[in-house]
Amino acid sequence: MKITIAIDGYSSTGKSTVAKQLADWLEYIYVDTGAMYRAVTLFAMRKGLISDGFFDKEQLIKKLDAITITFVKNPSTGKAEVCLNGENVESLIRTLEVSSFVSPVATVSEVRAKLVEQQQRMGEEKGIVMDGRDIGTVVFPNAELKIFMTASAEERAKRRYNELLERGDSITYASVLSNVIERDTIDTTRKDSPLVKAADAIEIDNTETNIEDQFHTILQLAKDRIAKRV
C-alpha cells in the first residue's frame, strides 16, 4: 500500500535531497515544488516583471496561463528536472539571483493556487514524495507522513554557499547568509500559506546530522507508516 509523504522546511535544509532519496528507494514519484516556484520566478524575470525593488504582481497574475511547468527525467542521472514551457531550466533556476526573487513570487496567492492545483493532481494516486513549504499544511493535509526539516541559518548558508561555489558562481558567504535569512522571514510571515510546522509533522533538525543518518531515520519512519497501511 502506497502513502503520501510531505516534506516541508526552511530553505537549504536538504529537503530535496532526502525526498529524492526516499522516492528512489520506495520507487515513488518525486516532485520538487520549490523548483516549480523557481520556474515561475524565472519566467517573471525574463518578462521584466521582477527585479531589485520592482515587482509587477498584476502582470504576472495575468500571464499565469502562459506558464506550463513539467518534469522530465534526465537520462544520464535518472533525476527529474524542471521544464518551463518545454525548455529545461533546471540549472537556470538554481542561481542566487533566482533565489533572491523566489520568495516574493511565492507570496502571490494566484501563483500558489495555480501550483497547488497542479501538485494535488500529481498526488491523486499516492506513491508520491513532495517537498516544499506548505505540503503538509495545504497541498496534502492528510498525508500519512509529514516531515518538517530545520537547521541553523549559518549552517544552511554554508551549505548553499559551497554548492554555488562548486557550480562556479561568484558569490560571498555574507550574501548567501543574508538571502537565507531574508527568505526565512518572507516564508514564515506571508499571509498565504506561510511556512509552519504541521501539528502532526515530525521535526528533523539536521544542523549536525549527516545526510546518510538523516535518510535512514526518515526511511524508517516511512516504512513504519507504510506498514500501518497494509
C-alpha atoms as a PDB file:
ATOM      1  CA  MET A   1       0.000   0.000   0.000  1.00  0.00           C
ATOM      2  CA  LYS A   2       1.454   3.342  -1.041  1.00  0.00           C
ATOM      3  CA  ILE A   3       1.325   6.536   1.011  1.00  0.00           C
ATOM      4  CA  THR A   4       1.844  10.261   0.525  1.00  0.00           C
ATOM      5  CA  ILE A   5       4.984  11.764   2.074  1.00  0.00           C
ATOM      6  CA  ALA A   6       5.112  15.527   2.653  1.00  0.00           C
ATOM      7  CA  ILE A   7       8.450  17.156   3.478  1.00  0.00           C
ATOM      8  CA  ASP A   8       8.409  20.818   4.496  1.00  0.00           C
ATOM      9  CA  GLY A   9      11.033  23.067   5.981  1.00  0.00           C
ATOM     10  CA  TYR A  10      13.349  26.019   5.642  1.00  0.00           C
ATOM     11  CA  SER A  11      15.496  26.712   2.585  1.00  0.00           C
ATOM     12  CA  SER A  12      18.734  24.736   2.209  1.00  0.00           C
ATOM     13  CA  THR A  13      17.827  22.099   4.792  1.00  0.00           C
ATOM     14  CA  GLY A  14      18.261  19.321   2.254  1.00  0.00           C
ATOM     15  CA  LYS A  15      14.550  18.691   1.693  1.00  0.00           C
ATOM     16  CA  SER A  16      15.022  17.877  -1.974  1.00  0.00           C
ATOM     17  CA  THR A  17      17.991  15.597  -1.315  1.00  0.00           C
ATOM     18  CA  VAL A  18      16.198  13.376   1.191  1.00  0.00           C
ATOM     19  CA  ALA A  19      12.949  13.497  -0.806  1.00  0.00           C
ATOM     20  CA  LYS A  20      14.787  12.215  -3.911  1.00  0.00           C
ATOM     21  CA  GLN A  21      16.485   9.504  -1.848  1.00  0.00           C
ATOM     22  CA  LEU A  22      13.156   8.359  -0.421  1.00  0.00           C
ATOM     23  CA  ALA A  23      11.433   8.384  -3.790  1.00  0.00           C
ATOM     24  CA  ASP A  24      14.255   6.337  -5.331  1.00  0.00           C
ATOM     25  CA  TRP A  25      14.276   3.771  -2.518  1.00  0.00           C
ATOM     26  CA  LEU A  26      10.481   3.420  -2.359  1.00  0.00           C
ATOM     27  CA  GLU A  27      10.065   3.703  -6.142  1.00  0.00           C
ATOM     28  CA  TYR A  28       7.712   6.632  -5.607  1.00  0.00           C
ATOM     29  CA  ILE A  29       7.235   9.748  -7.726  1.00  0.00           C
ATOM     30  CA  TYR A  30       9.277  12.755  -6.558  1.00  0.00           C
ATOM     31  CA  VAL A  31       8.047  16.321  -7.047  1.00  0.00           C
ATOM     32  CA  ASP A  32      10.219  19.345  -6.210  1.00  0.00           C
ATOM     33  CA  THR A  33       7.642  22.103  -5.616  1.00  0.00           C
ATOM     34  CA  GLY A  34      10.378  24.628  -4.920  1.00  0.00           C
ATOM     35  CA  ALA A  35      11.561  24.148  -8.500  1.00  0.00           C
ATOM     36  CA  MET A  36       8.044  24.993  -9.699  1.00  0.00           C
ATOM     37  CA  TYR A  37       8.104  28.340  -7.860  1.00  0.00           C
ATOM     38  CA  ARG A  38      11.618  28.978  -9.141  1.00  0.00           C
ATOM     39  CA  ALA A  39      10.409  28.347 -12.703  1.00  0.00           C
ATOM     40  CA  VAL A  40       7.630  30.917 -12.288  1.00  0.00           C
ATOM     41  CA  THR A  41      10.223  33.327 -10.879  1.00  0.00           C
ATOM     42  CA  LEU A  42      12.499  32.784 -13.889  1.00  0.00           C
ATOM     43  CA  PHE A  43       9.512  33.461 -16.175  1.00  0.00           C
ATOM     44  CA  ALA A  44       8.824  36.730 -14.317  1.00  0.00           C
ATOM     45  CA  MET A  45      12.465  37.777 -14.552  1.00  0.00           C
ATOM     46  CA  ARG A  46      12.583  37.089 -18.286  1.00  0.00           C
ATOM     47  CA  LYS A  47       9.430  39.128 -18.819  1.00  0.00           C
ATOM     48  CA  GLY A  48      10.851  42.059 -16.840  1.00  0.00           C
ATOM     49  CA  LEU A  49       8.197  41.674 -14.158  1.00  0.00           C
ATOM     50  CA  ILE A  50      10.576  41.462 -11.195  1.00  0.00           C
ATOM     51  CA  SER A  51      13.945  42.998 -10.386  1.00  0.00           C
ATOM     52  CA  ASP A  52      15.596  44.783  -7.469  1.00  0.00           C
ATOM     53  CA  GLY A  53      12.934  46.961  -5.843  1.00  0.00           C
ATOM     54  CA  PHE A  54      10.331  46.184  -8.515  1.00  0.00           C
ATOM     55  CA  PHE A  55       7.629  43.530  -8.824  1.00  0.00           C
ATOM     56  CA  ASP A  56       4.624  43.815 -11.142  1.00  0.00           C
ATOM     57  CA  LYS A  57       2.392  41.222  -9.483  1.00  0.00           C
ATOM     58  CA  GLU A  58      -0.677  42.104 -11.510  1.00  0.00           C
ATOM     59  CA  GLN A  59       1.058  41.439 -14.826  1.00  0.00           C
ATOM     60  CA  LEU A  60       2.444  38.157 -13.543  1.00  0.00           C
ATOM     61  CA  ILE A  61      -1.053  37.092 -12.486  1.00  0.00           C
ATOM     62  CA  LYS A  62      -2.373  37.950 -15.960  1.00  0.00           C
ATOM     63  CA  LYS A  63       0.349  35.830 -17.578  1.00  0.00           C
ATOM     64  CA  LEU A  64      -0.042  32.722 -15.408  1.00  0.00           C
ATOM     65  CA  ASP A  65      -1.996  30.912 -18.110  1.00  0.00           C
ATOM     66  CA  ALA A  66       1.088  31.241 -20.331  1.00  0.00           C
ATOM     67  CA  ILE A  67       3.157  29.194 -17.880  1.00  0.00           C
ATOM     68  CA  THR A  68       3.400  25.420 -18.203  1.00  0.00           C
ATOM     69  CA  ILE A  69       5.668  23.554 -15.789  1.00  0.00           C
ATOM     70  CA  THR A  70       6.592  19.917 -16.313  1.00  0.00           C
ATOM     71  CA  PHE A  71       9.224  17.483 -15.110  1.00  0.00           C
ATOM     72  CA  VAL A  72      11.380  15.295 -17.367  1.00  0.00           C
ATOM     73  CA  LYS A  73      13.817  12.580 -16.367  1.00  0.00           C
ATOM     74  CA  ASN A  74      17.462  13.239 -17.196  1.00  0.00           C
ATOM     75  CA  PRO A  75      18.621  10.062 -18.985  1.00  0.00           C
ATOM     76  CA  SER A  76      22.158  10.478 -17.622  1.00  0.00           C
ATOM     77  CA  THR A  77      21.294  10.953 -13.964  1.00  0.00           C
ATOM     78  CA  GLY A  78      17.828   9.426 -13.808  1.00  0.00           C
ATOM     79  CA  LYS A  79      16.682  12.513 -11.893  1.00  0.00           C
ATOM     80  CA  ALA A  80      13.626  14.618 -12.663  1.00  0.00           C
ATOM     81  CA  GLU A  81      14.418  18.091 -13.988  1.00  0.00           C
ATOM     82  CA  VAL A  82      12.047  21.027 -14.354  1.00  0.00           C
ATOM     83  CA  CYS A  83      10.925  22.444 -17.693  1.00  0.00           C
ATOM     84  CA  LEU A  84       9.369  25.857 -18.271  1.00  0.00           C
ATOM     85  CA  ASN A  85       7.166  25.914 -21.353  1.00  0.00           C
ATOM     86  CA  GLY A  86       9.082  22.964 -22.779  1.00  0.00           C
ATOM     87  CA  GLU A  87      12.573  24.339 -22.005  1.00  0.00           C
ATOM     88  CA  ASN A  88      14.758  22.533 -19.494  1.00  0.00           C
ATOM     89  CA  VAL A  89      15.643  25.263 -16.982  1.00  0.00           C
ATOM     90  CA  GLU A  90      16.991  23.059 -14.174  1.00  0.00           C
ATOM     91  CA  SER A  91      20.364  24.833 -13.970  1.00  0.00           C
ATOM     92  CA  LEU A  92      18.952  28.317 -14.661  1.00  0.00           C
ATOM     93  CA  ILE A  93      16.578  28.243 -11.674  1.00  0.00           C
ATOM     94  CA  ARG A  94      19.301  27.340  -9.158  1.00  0.00           C
ATOM     95  CA  THR A  95      21.160  30.678  -9.254  1.00  0.00           C
ATOM     96  CA  LEU A  96      21.363  33.080  -6.312  1.00  0.00           C
ATOM     97  CA  GLU A  97      19.574  35.694  -8.466  1.00  0.00           C
ATOM     98  CA  VAL A  98      16.504  33.468  -8.800  1.00  0.00           C
ATOM     99  CA  SER A  99      16.772  32.632  -5.090  1.00  0.00           C
ATOM    100  CA  SER A 100      16.612  36.338  -4.243  1.00  0.00           C
ATOM    101  CA  PHE A 101      13.259  36.754  -6.010  1.00  0.00           C
ATOM    102  CA  VAL A 102      11.501  33.423  -5.462  1.00  0.00           C
ATOM    103  CA  SER A 103      10.034  34.198  -2.029  1.00  0.00           C
ATOM    104  CA  PRO A 104       8.177  37.357  -3.169  1.00  0.00           C
ATOM    105  CA  VAL A 105       6.781  35.422  -6.141  1.00  0.00           C
ATOM    106  CA  ALA A 106       5.690  32.613  -3.829  1.00  0.00           C
ATOM    107  CA  THR A 107       3.675  35.068  -1.709  1.00  0.00           C
ATOM    108  CA  VAL A 108       1.275  35.757  -4.598  1.00  0.00           C
ATOM    109  CA  SER A 109      -1.969  33.913  -3.849  1.00  0.00           C
ATOM    110  CA  GLU A 110      -2.791  33.337  -7.510  1.00  0.00           C
ATOM    111  CA  VAL A 111       0.622  31.759  -8.136  1.00  0.00           C
ATOM    112  CA  ARG A 112       0.210  29.453  -5.151  1.00  0.00           C
ATOM    113  CA  ALA A 113      -3.316  28.469  -6.189  1.00  0.00           C
ATOM    114  CA  LYS A 114      -2.160  27.550  -9.703  1.00  0.00           C
ATOM    115  CA  LEU A 115       0.745  25.441  -8.492  1.00  0.00           C
ATOM    116  CA  VAL A 116      -1.102  23.804  -5.583  1.00  0.00           C
ATOM    117  CA  GLU A 117      -3.794  22.645  -8.003  1.00  0.00           C
ATOM    118  CA  GLN A 118      -1.124  21.041 -10.211  1.00  0.00           C
ATOM    119  CA  GLN A 119       0.594  19.478  -7.199  1.00  0.00           C
ATOM    120  CA  GLN A 120      -2.610  17.953  -5.846  1.00  0.00           C
ATOM    121  CA  ARG A 121      -3.349  16.383  -9.224  1.00  0.00           C
ATOM    122  CA  MET A 122       0.120  14.827  -9.212  1.00  0.00           C
ATOM    123  CA  GLY A 123      -0.596  13.143  -5.882  1.00  0.00           C
ATOM    124  CA  GLU A 124      -4.058  11.732  -6.527  1.00  0.00           C
ATOM    125  CA  GLU A 125      -2.753   8.162  -6.833  1.00  0.00           C
ATOM    126  CA  LYS A 126      -0.459   8.390  -3.763  1.00  0.00           C
ATOM    127  CA  GLY A 127       3.016   6.877  -4.029  1.00  0.00           C
ATOM    128  CA  ILE A 128       4.491  10.375  -4.049  1.00  0.00           C
ATOM    129  CA  VAL A 129       7.177  12.278  -2.143  1.00  0.00           C
ATOM    130  CA  MET A 130       6.769  16.036  -2.353  1.00  0.00           C
ATOM    131  CA  ASP A 131       8.855  18.720  -0.682  1.00  0.00           C
ATOM    132  CA  GLY A 132       8.240  22.429  -0.245  1.00  0.00           C
ATOM    133  CA  ARG A 133       6.927  24.964   2.254  1.00  0.00           C
ATOM    134  CA  ASP A 134       3.240  24.076   2.599  1.00  0.00           C
ATOM    135  CA  ILE A 135       2.938  20.449   1.514  1.00  0.00           C
ATOM    136  CA  GLY A 136       1.787  19.045   4.851  1.00  0.00           C
ATOM    137  CA  THR A 137      -0.392  22.028   5.690  1.00  0.00           C
ATOM    138  CA  VAL A 138      -2.022  22.960   2.358  1.00  0.00           C
ATOM    139  CA  VAL A 139      -1.227  20.604  -0.518  1.00  0.00           C
ATOM    140  CA  PHE A 140      -1.575  17.282   1.316  1.00  0.00           C
ATOM    141  CA  PRO A 141      -3.021  17.966   4.788  1.00  0.00           C
ATOM    142  CA  ASN A 142      -3.954  14.278   5.045  1.00  0.00           C
ATOM    143  CA  ALA A 143      -0.519  12.920   4.117  1.00  0.00           C
ATOM    144  CA  GLU A 144       0.333   9.763   6.039  1.00  0.00           C
ATOM    145  CA  LEU A 145       3.847  11.015   6.813  1.00  0.00           C
ATOM    146  CA  LYS A 146       4.817  14.635   7.347  1.00  0.00           C
ATOM    147  CA  ILE A 147       8.393  15.743   7.963  1.00  0.00           C
ATOM    148  CA  PHE A 148       9.459  19.266   8.943  1.00  0.00           C
ATOM    149  CA  MET A 149      13.151  19.990   8.385  1.00  0.00           C
ATOM    150  CA  THR A 150      15.181  22.709  10.025  1.00  0.00           C
ATOM    151  CA  ALA A 151      18.801  23.732  10.685  1.00  0.00           C
ATOM    152  CA  SER A 152      20.604  26.858  11.810  1.00  0.00           C
ATOM    153  CA  ALA A 153      20.694  29.730   9.308  1.00  0.00           C
ATOM    154  CA  GLU A 154      24.503  29.741   9.427  1.00  0.00           C
ATOM    155  CA  GLU A 155      24.764  26.046   8.594  1.00  0.00           C
ATOM    156  CA  ARG A 156      22.224  26.345   5.778  1.00  0.00           C
ATOM    157  CA  ALA A 157      24.059  29.337   4.327  1.00  0.00           C
ATOM    158  CA  LYS A 158      27.350  27.419   4.433  1.00  0.00           C
ATOM    159  CA  ARG A 159      25.815  24.512   2.509  1.00  0.00           C
ATOM    160  CA  ARG A 160      24.273  26.804  -0.083  1.00  0.00           C
ATOM    161  CA  TYR A 161      27.491  28.823  -0.422  1.00  0.00           C
ATOM    162  CA  ASN A 162      29.569  25.684  -1.064  1.00  0.00           C
ATOM    163  CA  GLU A 163      27.003  24.431  -3.568  1.00  0.00           C
ATOM    164  CA  LEU A 164      27.128  27.684  -5.529  1.00  0.00           C
ATOM    165  CA  LEU A 165      30.930  27.755  -5.438  1.00  0.00           C
ATOM    166  CA  GLU A 166      31.022  24.254  -6.909  1.00  0.00           C
ATOM    167  CA  ARG A 167      28.775  25.492  -9.724  1.00  0.00           C
ATOM    168  CA  GLY A 168      31.297  28.226 -10.445  1.00  0.00           C
ATOM    169  CA  ASP A 169      29.153  31.118  -9.217  1.00  0.00           C
ATOM    170  CA  SER A 170      30.939  34.228  -7.948  1.00  0.00           C
ATOM    171  CA  ILE A 171      29.307  34.949  -4.591  1.00  0.00           C
ATOM    172  CA  THR A 172      30.165  35.699  -0.964  1.00  0.00           C
ATOM    173  CA  TYR A 173      29.109  33.801   2.153  1.00  0.00           C
ATOM    174  CA  ALA A 174      27.685  37.036   3.590  1.00  0.00           C
ATOM    175  CA  SER A 175      25.354  37.478   0.606  1.00  0.00           C
ATOM    176  CA  VAL A 176      24.155  33.889   0.837  1.00  0.00           C
ATOM    177  CA  LEU A 177      23.517  34.167   4.589  1.00  0.00           C
ATOM    178  CA  SER A 178      21.596  37.394   4.018  1.00  0.00           C
ATOM    179  CA  ASN A 179      19.491  35.671   1.366  1.00  0.00           C
ATOM    180  CA  VAL A 180      18.757  32.707   3.664  1.00  0.00           C
ATOM    181  CA  ILE A 181      17.632  34.982   6.498  1.00  0.00           C
ATOM    182  CA  GLU A 182      15.519  37.127   4.178  1.00  0.00           C
ATOM    183  CA  ARG A 183      13.819  34.069   2.678  1.00  0.00           C
ATOM    184  CA  ASP A 184      13.083  32.699   6.160  1.00  0.00           C
ATOM    185  CA  THR A 185      11.382  35.961   7.089  1.00  0.00           C
ATOM    186  CA  ILE A 186       9.277  36.113   3.937  1.00  0.00           C
ATOM    187  CA  ASP A 187       8.371  32.417   4.029  1.00  0.00           C
ATOM    188  CA  THR A 188       7.236  32.452   7.658  1.00  0.00           C
ATOM    189  CA  THR A 189       5.356  35.778   7.611  1.00  0.00           C
ATOM    190  CA  ARG A 190       3.490  35.714   4.283  1.00  0.00           C
ATOM    191  CA  LYS A 191      -0.298  35.808   4.609  1.00  0.00           C
ATOM    192  CA  ASP A 192      -0.974  32.990   2.154  1.00  0.00           C
ATOM    193  CA  SER A 193       0.245  29.542   3.255  1.00  0.00           C
ATOM    194  CA  PRO A 194       3.154  30.630   5.469  1.00  0.00           C
ATOM    195  CA  LEU A 195       5.872  28.148   6.350  1.00  0.00           C
ATOM    196  CA  VAL A 196       4.718  26.488   9.563  1.00  0.00           C
ATOM    197  CA  LYS A 197       5.196  23.045  11.036  1.00  0.00           C
ATOM    198  CA  ALA A 198       2.040  20.948  10.713  1.00  0.00           C
ATOM    199  CA  ALA A 199       0.698  19.799  14.075  1.00  0.00           C
ATOM    200  CA  ASP A 200       1.308  16.155  13.172  1.00  0.00           C
ATOM    201  CA  ALA A 201       4.690  16.647  11.463  1.00  0.00           C
ATOM    202  CA  ILE A 202       7.893  15.118  12.800  1.00  0.00           C
ATOM    203  CA  GLU A 203      10.657  17.705  13.143  1.00  0.00           C
ATOM    204  CA  ILE A 204      14.151  16.842  11.923  1.00  0.00           C
ATOM    205  CA  ASP A 205      16.943  19.269  12.886  1.00  0.00           C
ATOM    206  CA  ASN A 206      19.928  18.388  10.705  1.00  0.00           C
ATOM    207  CA  THR A 207      22.317  21.147  11.760  1.00  0.00           C
ATOM    208  CA  GLU A 208      24.774  18.469  12.912  1.00  0.00           C
ATOM    209  CA  THR A 209      23.352  15.384  11.167  1.00  0.00           C
ATOM    210  CA  ASN A 210      24.919  13.836   8.089  1.00  0.00           C
ATOM    211  CA  ILE A 211      22.849  13.015   5.021  1.00  0.00           C
ATOM    212  CA  GLU A 212      23.122   9.240   5.413  1.00  0.00           C
ATOM    213  CA  ASP A 213      21.933   9.127   9.037  1.00  0.00           C
ATOM    214  CA  GLN A 214      19.104  11.520   8.256  1.00  0.00           C
ATOM    215  CA  PHE A 215      17.957   9.410   5.306  1.00  0.00           C
ATOM    216  CA  HIS A 216      17.833   6.201   7.347  1.00  0.00           C
ATOM    217  CA  THR A 217      15.873   7.935  10.110  1.00  0.00           C
ATOM    218  CA  ILE A 218      13.245   9.238   7.692  1.00  0.00           C
ATOM    219  CA  LEU A 219      13.193   5.987   5.690  1.00  0.00           C
ATOM    220  CA  GLN A 220      12.346   4.053   8.849  1.00  0.00           C
ATOM    221  CA  LEU A 221       9.521   6.480   9.581  1.00  0.00           C
ATOM    222  CA  ALA A 222       8.204   5.909   6.052  1.00  0.00           C
ATOM    223  CA  LYS A 223       8.450   2.125   6.415  1.00  0.00           C
ATOM    224  CA  ASP A 224       6.510   2.301   9.679  1.00  0.00           C
ATOM    225  CA  ARG A 225       3.713   4.351   8.115  1.00  0.00           C
ATOM    226  CA  ILE A 226       3.535   2.084   5.073  1.00  0.00           C
ATOM    227  CA  ALA A 227       3.307  -0.976   7.319  1.00  0.00           C
ATOM    228  CA  LYS A 228       0.321   0.547   9.098  1.00  0.00           C
ATOM    229  CA  ARG A 229      -1.454   0.921   5.754  1.00  0.00           C
ATOM    230  CA  VAL A 230      -1.089  -2.745   4.777  1.00  0.00           C
END
